């Protein structure tokens, strides 16, 4: 019961029109911090499409893997529960990825 009350207290509250949630503010700060060091393997580019909500990234495949020469474009969508829940991730390019951990 105690853990549940902490979880409820840490959830972002509804904000007034135009105000950004804590999740949006944190995602925006983290995006800016990552962008300062780009390009750096595996992240080659990170763009903020909707401030604190939607991002587009380009990732290079890891060295020594079958994906080594590949460049992957993906979108990340941040929900109100971030960072307690991970962002939604969708691969844009290539359209078909054959990997056991990716459902395309």
PDB file of N, CA and C in Angstrom:
ATOM      1  N   UNK A   1       0.825  -1.199   0.000  1.00  0.00           N
ATOM      2  CA  UNK A   1       0.000   0.000   0.000  1.00  0.00           C
ATOM      3  C   UNK A   1       0.861   1.251   0.000  1.00  0.00           C
ATOM      4  N   UNK A   2       1.920   1.266   0.756  1.00  0.00           N
ATOM      5  CA  UNK A   2       2.791   2.438   0.823  1.00  0.00           C
ATOM      6  C   UNK A   2       3.423   2.736  -0.541  1.00  0.00           C
ATOM      7  N   UNK A   3       3.893   1.694  -1.250  1.00  0.00           N
ATOM      8  CA  UNK A   3       4.485   1.908  -2.566  1.00  0.00           C
ATOM      9  C   UNK A   3       3.464   2.479  -3.537  1.00  0.00           C
ATOM     10  N   UNK A   4       2.237   2.014  -3.461  1.00  0.00           N
ATOM     11  CA  UNK A   4       1.190   2.504  -4.353  1.00  0.00           C
ATOM     12  C   UNK A   4       0.953   3.990  -4.124  1.00  0.00           C
ATOM     13  N   UNK A   5       0.928   4.429  -2.879  1.00  0.00           N
ATOM     14  CA  UNK A   5       0.684   5.839  -2.611  1.00  0.00           C
ATOM     15  C   UNK A   5       1.838   6.697  -3.127  1.00  0.00           C
ATOM     16  N   UNK A   6       3.078   6.185  -3.088  1.00  0.00           N
ATOM     17  CA  UNK A   6       4.204   6.927  -3.652  1.00  0.00           C
ATOM     18  C   UNK A   6       4.071   7.033  -5.161  1.00  0.00           C
ATOM     19  N   UNK A   7       3.638   5.936  -5.801  1.00  0.00           N
ATOM     20  CA  UNK A   7       3.467   5.933  -7.249  1.00  0.00           C
ATOM     21  C   UNK A   7       2.413   6.951  -7.669  1.00  0.00           C
ATOM     22  N   UNK A   8       1.290   6.979  -7.001  1.00  0.00           N
ATOM     23  CA  UNK A   8       0.217   7.911  -7.339  1.00  0.00           C
ATOM     24  C   UNK A   8       0.691   9.345  -7.138  1.00  0.00           C
ATOM     25  N   UNK A   9       1.453   9.596  -6.072  1.00  0.00           N
ATOM     26  CA  UNK A   9       1.926  10.945  -5.802  1.00  0.00           C
ATOM     27  C   UNK A   9       2.933  11.406  -6.841  1.00  0.00           C
ATOM     28  N   UNK A  10       3.668  10.477  -7.463  1.00  0.00           N
ATOM     29  CA  UNK A  10       4.689  10.876  -8.422  1.00  0.00           C
ATOM     30  C   UNK A  10       4.154  11.007  -9.842  1.00  0.00           C
ATOM     31  N   UNK A  11       2.920  10.560 -10.082  1.00  0.00           N
ATOM     32  CA  UNK A  11       2.351  10.701 -11.412  1.00  0.00           C
ATOM     33  C   UNK A  11       2.110  12.166 -11.720  1.00  0.00           C
ATOM     34  N   UNK A  12       2.333  12.567 -12.996  1.00  0.00           N
ATOM     35  CA  UNK A  12       2.102  13.966 -13.334  1.00  0.00           C
ATOM     36  C   UNK A  12       0.625  14.329 -13.226  1.00  0.00           C
ATOM     37  N   UNK A  13       0.376  15.508 -12.755  1.00  0.00           N
ATOM     38  CA  UNK A  13      -0.985  16.005 -12.648  1.00  0.00           C
ATOM     39  C   UNK A  13      -1.399  16.644 -13.965  1.00  0.00           C
ATOM     40  N   UNK A  14      -2.676  16.781 -14.179  1.00  0.00           N
ATOM     41  CA  UNK A  14      -3.164  17.459 -15.369  1.00  0.00           C
ATOM     42  C   UNK A  14      -2.687  18.907 -15.332  1.00  0.00           C
ATOM     43  N   UNK A  15      -2.303  19.399 -16.497  1.00  0.00           N
ATOM     44  CA  UNK A  15      -1.770  20.748 -16.556  1.00  0.00           C
ATOM     45  C   UNK A  15      -2.730  21.656 -17.294  1.00  0.00           C
ATOM     46  N   UNK A  16      -2.603  22.932 -17.047  1.00  0.00           N
ATOM     47  CA  UNK A  16      -3.431  23.922 -17.731  1.00  0.00           C
ATOM     48  C   UNK A  16      -3.021  23.991 -19.194  1.00  0.00           C
ATOM     49  N   UNK A  17      -3.861  24.543 -20.004  1.00  0.00           N
ATOM     50  CA  UNK A  17      -3.584  24.668 -21.431  1.00  0.00           C
ATOM     51  C   UNK A  17      -2.272  25.412 -21.635  1.00  0.00           C
ATOM     52  N   UNK A  18      -1.402  24.816 -22.463  1.00  0.00           N
ATOM     53  CA  UNK A  18      -0.123  25.450 -22.754  1.00  0.00           C
ATOM     54  C   UNK A  18       0.988  25.057 -21.802  1.00  0.00           C
ATOM     55  N   UNK A  19       0.677  24.531 -20.633  1.00  0.00           N
ATOM     56  CA  UNK A  19       1.703  24.113 -19.675  1.00  0.00           C
ATOM     57  C   UNK A  19       2.181  22.711 -20.042  1.00  0.00           C
ATOM     58  N   UNK A  20       3.465  22.454 -19.825  1.00  0.00           N
ATOM     59  CA  UNK A  20       4.032  21.150 -20.156  1.00  0.00           C
ATOM     60  C   UNK A  20       4.089  20.279 -18.911  1.00  0.00           C
ATOM     61  N   UNK A  21       3.836  18.991 -19.089  1.00  0.00           N
ATOM     62  CA  UNK A  21       3.873  18.052 -17.976  1.00  0.00           C
ATOM     63  C   UNK A  21       5.319  17.803 -17.555  1.00  0.00           C
ATOM     64  N   UNK A  22       5.485  17.188 -16.402  1.00  0.00           N
ATOM     65  CA  UNK A  22       6.822  16.845 -15.920  1.00  0.00           C
ATOM     66  C   UNK A  22       7.505  15.885 -16.882  1.00  0.00           C
ATOM     67  N   UNK A  23       6.735  14.964 -17.457  1.00  0.00           N
ATOM     68  CA  UNK A  23       7.297  14.010 -18.410  1.00  0.00           C
ATOM     69  C   UNK A  23       7.829  14.737 -19.644  1.00  0.00           C
ATOM     70  N   UNK A  24       7.080  15.692 -20.161  1.00  0.00           N
ATOM     71  CA  UNK A  24       7.512  16.458 -21.331  1.00  0.00           C
ATOM     72  C   UNK A  24       8.763  17.269 -21.016  1.00  0.00           C
ATOM     73  N   UNK A  25       8.784  17.894 -19.862  1.00  0.00           N
ATOM     74  CA  UNK A  25       9.942  18.700 -19.476  1.00  0.00           C
ATOM     75  C   UNK A  25      11.190  17.836 -19.352  1.00  0.00           C
ATOM     76  N   UNK A  26      11.056  16.671 -18.724  1.00  0.00           N
ATOM     77  CA  UNK A  26      12.205  15.787 -18.549  1.00  0.00           C
ATOM     78  C   UNK A  26      12.694  15.260 -19.894  1.00  0.00           C
ATOM     79  N   UNK A  27      11.774  14.827 -20.758  1.00  0.00           N
ATOM     80  CA  UNK A  27      12.154  14.309 -22.074  1.00  0.00           C
ATOM     81  C   UNK A  27      12.853  15.393 -22.891  1.00  0.00           C
ATOM     82  N   UNK A  28      12.371  16.628 -22.814  1.00  0.00           N
ATOM     83  CA  UNK A  28      12.985  17.746 -23.536  1.00  0.00           C
ATOM     84  C   UNK A  28      14.411  17.980 -23.042  1.00  0.00           C
ATOM     85  N   UNK A  29      14.618  17.988 -21.725  1.00  0.00           N
ATOM     86  CA  UNK A  29      15.964  18.171 -21.152  1.00  0.00           C
ATOM     87  C   UNK A  29      16.905  17.044 -21.577  1.00  0.00           C
ATOM     88  N   UNK A  30      16.407  15.811 -21.534  1.00  0.00           N
ATOM     89  CA  UNK A  30      17.239  14.670 -21.899  1.00  0.00           C
ATOM     90  C   UNK A  30      17.607  14.718 -23.381  1.00  0.00           C
ATOM     91  N   UNK A  31      16.674  15.145 -24.225  1.00  0.00           N
ATOM     92  CA  UNK A  31      16.938  15.278 -25.652  1.00  0.00           C
ATOM     93  C   UNK A  31      18.042  16.310 -25.892  1.00  0.00           C
ATOM     94  N   UNK A  32      17.945  17.452 -25.237  1.00  0.00           N
ATOM     95  CA  UNK A  32      18.963  18.493 -25.404  1.00  0.00           C
ATOM     96  C   UNK A  32      20.339  17.994 -24.959  1.00  0.00           C
ATOM     97  N   UNK A  33      20.380  17.250 -23.872  1.00  0.00           N
ATOM     98  CA  UNK A  33      21.650  16.729 -23.357  1.00  0.00           C
ATOM     99  C   UNK A  33      22.268  15.743 -24.348  1.00  0.00           C
ATOM    100  N   UNK A  34      21.457  14.880 -24.935  1.00  0.00           N
ATOM    101  CA  UNK A  34      21.952  13.914 -25.916  1.00  0.00           C
ATOM    102  C   UNK A  34      22.428  14.632 -27.176  1.00  0.00           C
ATOM    103  N   UNK A  35      21.667  15.642 -27.624  1.00  0.00           N
ATOM    104  CA  UNK A  35      22.010  16.357 -28.854  1.00  0.00           C
ATOM    105  C   UNK A  35      23.361  17.053 -28.762  1.00  0.00           C
ATOM    106  N   UNK A  36      23.775  17.454 -27.583  1.00  0.00           N
ATOM    107  CA  UNK A  36      25.057  18.147 -27.418  1.00  0.00           C
ATOM    108  C   UNK A  36      26.243  17.277 -27.824  1.00  0.00           C
ATOM    109  N   UNK A  37      26.142  15.963 -27.663  1.00  0.00           N
ATOM    110  CA  UNK A  37      27.253  15.076 -27.966  1.00  0.00           C
ATOM    111  C   UNK A  37      27.147  14.369 -29.306  1.00  0.00           C
ATOM    112  N   UNK A  38      26.208  14.741 -30.152  1.00  0.00           N
ATOM    113  CA  UNK A  38      26.006  14.033 -31.419  1.00  0.00           C
ATOM    114  C   UNK A  38      26.914  14.578 -32.509  1.00  0.00           C
ATOM    115  N   UNK A  39      27.269  13.776 -33.508  1.00  0.00           N
ATOM    116  CA  UNK A  39      26.979  12.341 -33.628  1.00  0.00           C
ATOM    117  C   UNK A  39      27.944  11.518 -32.775  1.00  0.00           C
ATOM    118  N   UNK A  40      27.411  10.464 -32.208  1.00  0.00           N
ATOM    119  CA  UNK A  40      28.205   9.536 -31.387  1.00  0.00           C
ATOM    120  C   UNK A  40      27.511   8.184 -31.483  1.00  0.00           C
ATOM    121  N   UNK A  41      28.283   7.162 -31.779  1.00  0.00           N
ATOM    122  CA  UNK A  41      27.724   5.823 -31.962  1.00  0.00           C
ATOM    123  C   UNK A  41      26.930   5.385 -30.748  1.00  0.00           C
ATOM    124  N   UNK A  42      25.813   4.752 -30.850  1.00  0.00           N
ATOM    125  CA  UNK A  42      25.092   4.419 -32.068  1.00  0.00           C
ATOM    126  C   UNK A  42      24.133   5.529 -32.531  1.00  0.00           C
ATOM    127  N   UNK A  43      23.958   6.585 -31.740  1.00  0.00           N
ATOM    128  CA  UNK A  43      23.001   7.638 -32.092  1.00  0.00           C
ATOM    129  C   UNK A  43      23.673   8.634 -33.027  1.00  0.00           C
ATOM    130  N   UNK A  44      23.163   8.737 -34.240  1.00  0.00           N
ATOM    131  CA  UNK A  44      23.742   9.656 -35.210  1.00  0.00           C
ATOM    132  C   UNK A  44      22.987  10.977 -35.252  1.00  0.00           C
ATOM    133  N   UNK A  45      21.678  10.929 -34.980  1.00  0.00           N
ATOM    134  CA  UNK A  45      20.861  12.140 -35.032  1.00  0.00           C
ATOM    135  C   UNK A  45      19.650  11.963 -34.126  1.00  0.00           C
ATOM    136  N   UNK A  46      19.199  13.065 -33.526  1.00  0.00           N
ATOM    137  CA  UNK A  46      17.995  13.050 -32.692  1.00  0.00           C
ATOM    138  C   UNK A  46      17.286  14.380 -32.869  1.00  0.00           C
ATOM    139  N   UNK A  47      16.076  14.322 -33.397  1.00  0.00           N
ATOM    140  CA  UNK A  47      15.270  15.525 -33.621  1.00  0.00           C
ATOM    141  C   UNK A  47      14.018  15.465 -32.761  1.00  0.00           C
ATOM    142  N   UNK A  48      13.622  16.600 -32.251  1.00  0.00           N
ATOM    143  CA  UNK A  48      12.409  16.709 -31.446  1.00  0.00           C
ATOM    144  C   UNK A  48      11.291  17.169 -32.377  1.00  0.00           C
ATOM    145  N   UNK A  49      10.330  16.289 -32.656  1.00  0.00           N
ATOM    146  CA  UNK A  49       9.232  16.606 -33.567  1.00  0.00           C
ATOM    147  C   UNK A  49       8.122  17.378 -32.861  1.00  0.00           C
ATOM    148  N   UNK A  50       7.755  16.935 -31.675  1.00  0.00           N
ATOM    149  CA  UNK A  50       6.786  17.627 -30.820  1.00  0.00           C
ATOM    150  C   UNK A  50       7.484  17.811 -29.482  1.00  0.00           C
ATOM    151  N   UNK A  51       7.570  19.032 -29.018  1.00  0.00           N
ATOM    152  CA  UNK A  51       8.378  19.337 -27.844  1.00  0.00           C
ATOM    153  C   UNK A  51       8.029  18.454 -26.653  1.00  0.00           C
ATOM    154  N   UNK A  52       8.993  17.632 -26.259  1.00  0.00           N
ATOM    155  CA  UNK A  52       8.841  16.768 -25.099  1.00  0.00           C
ATOM    156  C   UNK A  52       7.936  15.579 -25.307  1.00  0.00           C
ATOM    157  N   UNK A  53       7.408  15.368 -26.500  1.00  0.00           N
ATOM    158  CA  UNK A  53       6.458  14.275 -26.741  1.00  0.00           C
ATOM    159  C   UNK A  53       6.910  13.279 -27.798  1.00  0.00           C
ATOM    160  N   UNK A  54       7.395  13.776 -28.933  1.00  0.00           N
ATOM    161  CA  UNK A  54       7.720  12.888 -30.047  1.00  0.00           C
ATOM    162  C   UNK A  54       9.098  13.241 -30.605  1.00  0.00           C
ATOM    163  N   UNK A  55       9.902  12.202 -30.817  1.00  0.00           N
ATOM    164  CA  UNK A  55      11.272  12.370 -31.275  1.00  0.00           C
ATOM    165  C   UNK A  55      11.532  11.444 -32.453  1.00  0.00           C
ATOM    166  N   UNK A  56      12.478  11.832 -33.300  1.00  0.00           N
ATOM    167  CA  UNK A  56      12.925  10.965 -34.376  1.00  0.00           C
ATOM    168  C   UNK A  56      14.431  10.804 -34.241  1.00  0.00           C
ATOM    169  N   UNK A  57      14.894   9.571 -34.335  1.00  0.00           N
ATOM    170  CA  UNK A  57      16.314   9.272 -34.163  1.00  0.00           C
ATOM    171  C   UNK A  57      16.822   8.431 -35.319  1.00  0.00           C
ATOM    172  N   UNK A  58      18.123   8.556 -35.576  1.00  0.00           N
ATOM    173  CA  UNK A  58      18.806   7.698 -36.535  1.00  0.00           C
ATOM    174  C   UNK A  58      19.905   6.969 -35.781  1.00  0.00           C
ATOM    175  N   UNK A  59      19.863   5.646 -35.853  1.00  0.00           N
ATOM    176  CA  UNK A  59      20.830   4.808 -35.146  1.00  0.00           C
ATOM    177  C   UNK A  59      21.619   3.980 -36.146  1.00  0.00           C
ATOM    178  N   UNK A  60      22.897   3.793 -35.866  1.00  0.00           N
ATOM    179  CA  UNK A  60      23.733   2.910 -36.671  1.00  0.00           C
ATOM    180  C   UNK A  60      23.737   1.531 -36.026  1.00  0.00           C
ATOM    181  N   UNK A  61      23.801   0.503 -36.876  1.00  0.00           N
ATOM    182  CA  UNK A  61      23.877  -0.859 -36.374  1.00  0.00           C
ATOM    183  C   UNK A  61      25.189  -1.082 -35.641  1.00  0.00           C
ATOM    184  N   UNK A  62      25.205  -1.937 -34.628  1.00  0.00           N
ATOM    185  CA  UNK A  62      26.423  -2.167 -33.848  1.00  0.00           C
ATOM    186  C   UNK A  62      27.516  -2.868 -34.665  1.00  0.00           C
ATOM    187  N   UNK A  63      28.759  -2.485 -34.408  1.00  0.00           N
ATOM    188  CA  UNK A  63      29.895  -3.096 -35.083  1.00  0.00           C
ATOM    189  C   UNK A  63      29.962  -4.584 -34.759  1.00  0.00           C
ATOM    190  N   UNK A  64      30.380  -5.360 -35.755  1.00  0.00           N
ATOM    191  CA  UNK A  64      30.529  -6.798 -35.566  1.00  0.00           C
ATOM    192  C   UNK A  64      29.221  -7.563 -35.578  1.00  0.00           C
ATOM    193  N   UNK A  65      28.138  -6.915 -35.991  1.00  0.00           N
ATOM    194  CA  UNK A  65      26.833  -7.576 -36.061  1.00  0.00           C
ATOM    195  C   UNK A  65      26.365  -7.601 -37.513  1.00  0.00           C
ATOM    196  N   UNK A  66      25.341  -8.386 -37.823  1.00  0.00           N
ATOM    197  CA  UNK A  66      24.799  -8.370 -39.190  1.00  0.00           C
ATOM    198  C   UNK A  66      24.211  -7.005 -39.575  1.00  0.00           C
ATOM    199  N   UNK A  67      23.973  -6.141 -38.604  1.00  0.00           N
ATOM    200  CA  UNK A  67      23.374  -4.829 -38.854  1.00  0.00           C
ATOM    201  C   UNK A  67      24.425  -3.720 -38.907  1.00  0.00           C
ATOM    202  N   UNK A  68      25.706  -4.069 -38.977  1.00  0.00           N
ATOM    203  CA  UNK A  68      26.800  -3.112 -38.870  1.00  0.00           C
ATOM    204  C   UNK A  68      26.710  -1.958 -39.869  1.00  0.00           C
ATOM    205  N   UNK A  69      26.358  -2.206 -41.093  1.00  0.00           N
ATOM    206  CA  UNK A  69      26.338  -1.151 -42.115  1.00  0.00           C
ATOM    207  C   UNK A  69      24.977  -0.462 -42.219  1.00  0.00           C
ATOM    208  N   UNK A  70      24.024  -0.860 -41.406  1.00  0.00           N
ATOM    209  CA  UNK A  70      22.653  -0.344 -41.527  1.00  0.00           C
ATOM    210  C   UNK A  70      22.443   0.931 -40.720  1.00  0.00           C
ATOM    211  N   UNK A  71      21.580   1.777 -41.236  1.00  0.00           N
ATOM    212  CA  UNK A  71      21.141   2.979 -40.519  1.00  0.00           C
ATOM    213  C   UNK A  71      19.642   2.826 -40.283  1.00  0.00           C
ATOM    214  N   UNK A  72      19.224   2.945 -39.049  1.00  0.00           N
ATOM    215  CA  UNK A  72      17.833   2.748 -38.682  1.00  0.00           C
ATOM    216  C   UNK A  72      17.201   4.067 -38.258  1.00  0.00           C
ATOM    217  N   UNK A  73      16.056   4.398 -38.850  1.00  0.00           N
ATOM    218  CA  UNK A  73      15.288   5.566 -38.435  1.00  0.00           C
ATOM    219  C   UNK A  73      14.141   5.074 -37.572  1.00  0.00           C
ATOM    220  N   UNK A  74      13.882   5.788 -36.481  1.00  0.00           N
ATOM    221  CA  UNK A  74      12.780   5.386 -35.613  1.00  0.00           C
ATOM    222  C   UNK A  74      12.179   6.598 -34.929  1.00  0.00           C
ATOM    223  N   UNK A  75      10.942   6.428 -34.472  1.00  0.00           N
ATOM    224  CA  UNK A  75      10.297   7.487 -33.695  1.00  0.00           C
ATOM    225  C   UNK A  75      10.120   6.989 -32.271  1.00  0.00           C
ATOM    226  N   UNK A  76      10.189   7.924 -31.341  1.00  0.00           N
ATOM    227  CA  UNK A  76       9.959   7.644 -29.931  1.00  0.00           C
ATOM    228  C   UNK A  76       8.828   8.547 -29.476  1.00  0.00           C
ATOM    229  N   UNK A  77       7.824   7.975 -28.824  1.00  0.00           N
ATOM    230  CA  UNK A  77       6.707   8.753 -28.302  1.00  0.00           C
ATOM    231  C   UNK A  77       6.674   8.627 -26.792  1.00  0.00           C
ATOM    232  N   UNK A  78       6.742   9.771 -26.129  1.00  0.00           N
ATOM    233  CA  UNK A  78       6.797   9.835 -24.675  1.00  0.00           C
ATOM    234  C   UNK A  78       5.381   9.949 -24.118  1.00  0.00           C
ATOM    235  N   UNK A  79       5.047   9.088 -23.162  1.00  0.00           N
ATOM    236  CA  UNK A  79       3.745   9.140 -22.514  1.00  0.00           C
ATOM    237  C   UNK A  79       3.797   9.928 -21.215  1.00  0.00           C
ATOM    238  N   UNK A  80       2.652  10.136 -20.607  1.00  0.00           N
ATOM    239  CA  UNK A  80       2.579  10.897 -19.356  1.00  0.00           C
ATOM    240  C   UNK A  80       3.271  10.195 -18.189  1.00  0.00           C
ATOM    241  N   UNK A  81       3.471   8.879 -18.274  1.00  0.00           N
ATOM    242  CA  UNK A  81       4.086   8.128 -17.179  1.00  0.00           C
ATOM    243  C   UNK A  81       5.608   8.087 -17.286  1.00  0.00           C
ATOM    244  N   UNK A  82       6.192   8.702 -18.299  1.00  0.00           N
ATOM    245  CA  UNK A  82       7.652   8.717 -18.454  1.00  0.00           C
ATOM    246  C   UNK A  82       8.278   9.428 -17.254  1.00  0.00           C
ATOM    247  N   UNK A  83       9.323   8.933 -16.662  1.00  0.00           N
ATOM    248  CA  UNK A  83      10.227   7.845 -17.007  1.00  0.00           C
ATOM    249  C   UNK A  83       9.862   6.502 -16.383  1.00  0.00           C
ATOM    250  N   UNK A  84       8.699   6.395 -15.742  1.00  0.00           N
ATOM    251  CA  UNK A  84       8.309   5.135 -15.107  1.00  0.00           C
ATOM    252  C   UNK A  84       7.863   4.098 -16.125  1.00  0.00           C
ATOM    253  N   UNK A  85       7.450   4.548 -17.296  1.00  0.00           N
ATOM    254  CA  UNK A  85       7.100   3.671 -18.415  1.00  0.00           C
ATOM    255  C   UNK A  85       7.963   4.091 -19.597  1.00  0.00           C
ATOM    256  N   UNK A  86       8.489   3.121 -20.352  1.00  0.00           N
ATOM    257  CA  UNK A  86       9.370   3.466 -21.471  1.00  0.00           C
ATOM    258  C   UNK A  86       8.599   4.131 -22.608  1.00  0.00           C
ATOM    259  N   UNK A  87       9.304   4.868 -23.458  1.00  0.00           N
ATOM    260  CA  UNK A  87       8.640   5.476 -24.609  1.00  0.00           C
ATOM    261  C   UNK A  87       8.236   4.406 -25.613  1.00  0.00           C
ATOM    262  N   UNK A  88       7.227   4.721 -26.417  1.00  0.00           N
ATOM    263  CA  UNK A  88       6.856   3.849 -27.520  1.00  0.00           C
ATOM    264  C   UNK A  88       7.866   4.051 -28.639  1.00  0.00           C
ATOM    265  N   UNK A  89       8.318   2.964 -29.248  1.00  0.00           N
ATOM    266  CA  UNK A  89       9.327   3.037 -30.305  1.00  0.00           C
ATOM    267  C   UNK A  89       8.791   2.361 -31.552  1.00  0.00           C
ATOM    268  N   UNK A  90       8.963   3.039 -32.691  1.00  0.00           N
ATOM    269  CA  UNK A  90       8.518   2.478 -33.965  1.00  0.00           C
ATOM    270  C   UNK A  90       9.623   2.686 -34.998  1.00  0.00           C
ATOM    271  N   UNK A  91      10.036   1.592 -35.649  1.00  0.00           N
ATOM    272  CA  UNK A  91      11.045   1.684 -36.696  1.00  0.00           C
ATOM    273  C   UNK A  91      10.395   2.200 -37.972  1.00  0.00           C
ATOM    274  N   UNK A  92      11.022   3.203 -38.590  1.00  0.00           N
ATOM    275  CA  UNK A  92      10.509   3.781 -39.824  1.00  0.00           C
ATOM    276  C   UNK A  92      11.223   3.217 -41.046  1.00  0.00           C
ATOM    277  N   UNK A  93      12.517   3.035 -40.926  1.00  0.00           N
ATOM    278  CA  UNK A  93      13.310   2.615 -42.065  1.00  0.00           C
ATOM    279  C   UNK A  93      14.467   1.781 -41.547  1.00  0.00           C
ATOM    280  N   UNK A  94      14.799   0.656 -42.066  1.00  0.00           N
ATOM    281  CA  UNK A  94      14.077  -0.007 -43.142  1.00  0.00           C
ATOM    282  C   UNK A  94      12.731  -0.507 -42.662  1.00  0.00           C
ATOM    283  N   UNK A  95      11.812  -0.660 -43.607  1.00  0.00           N
ATOM    284  CA  UNK A  95      10.441  -1.031 -43.239  1.00  0.00           C
ATOM    285  C   UNK A  95      10.359  -2.436 -42.671  1.00  0.00           C
ATOM    286  N   UNK A  96      11.212  -3.320 -43.136  1.00  0.00           N
ATOM    287  CA  UNK A  96      11.161  -4.693 -42.653  1.00  0.00           C
ATOM    288  C   UNK A  96      12.479  -5.031 -41.968  1.00  0.00           C
ATOM    289  N   UNK A  97      12.397  -5.345 -40.696  1.00  0.00           N
ATOM    290  CA  UNK A  97      13.569  -5.724 -39.919  1.00  0.00           C
ATOM    291  C   UNK A  97      13.336  -7.145 -39.416  1.00  0.00           C
ATOM    292  N   UNK A  98      14.292  -8.006 -39.681  1.00  0.00           N
ATOM    293  CA  UNK A  98      14.170  -9.386 -39.229  1.00  0.00           C
ATOM    294  C   UNK A  98      15.027  -9.528 -37.984  1.00  0.00           C
ATOM    295  N   UNK A  99      14.363  -9.530 -36.841  1.00  0.00           N
ATOM    296  CA  UNK A  99      15.045  -9.636 -35.554  1.00  0.00           C
ATOM    297  C   UNK A  99      14.045 -10.197 -34.544  1.00  0.00           C
ATOM    298  N   UNK A 100      14.458 -11.103 -33.661  1.00  0.00           N
ATOM    299  CA  UNK A 100      13.502 -11.706 -32.734  1.00  0.00           C
ATOM    300  C   UNK A 100      12.896 -10.735 -31.714  1.00  0.00           C
ATOM    301  N   UNK A 101      13.542  -9.606 -31.450  1.00  0.00           N
ATOM    302  CA  UNK A 101      13.028  -8.654 -30.459  1.00  0.00           C
ATOM    303  C   UNK A 101      12.259  -7.506 -31.076  1.00  0.00           C
ATOM    304  N   UNK A 102      12.050  -7.524 -32.386  1.00  0.00           N
ATOM    305  CA  UNK A 102      11.340  -6.439 -33.047  1.00  0.00           C
ATOM    306  C   UNK A 102      10.145  -7.000 -33.795  1.00  0.00           C
ATOM    307  N   UNK A 103       8.980  -6.496 -33.471  1.00  0.00           N
ATOM    308  CA  UNK A 103       7.751  -6.902 -34.144  1.00  0.00           C
ATOM    309  C   UNK A 103       7.404  -5.798 -35.144  1.00  0.00           C
ATOM    310  N   UNK A 104       7.548  -6.082 -36.420  1.00  0.00           N
ATOM    311  CA  UNK A 104       7.332  -5.071 -37.452  1.00  0.00           C
ATOM    312  C   UNK A 104       5.965  -5.145 -38.053  1.00  0.00           C
TER     313      UNK A 104
END
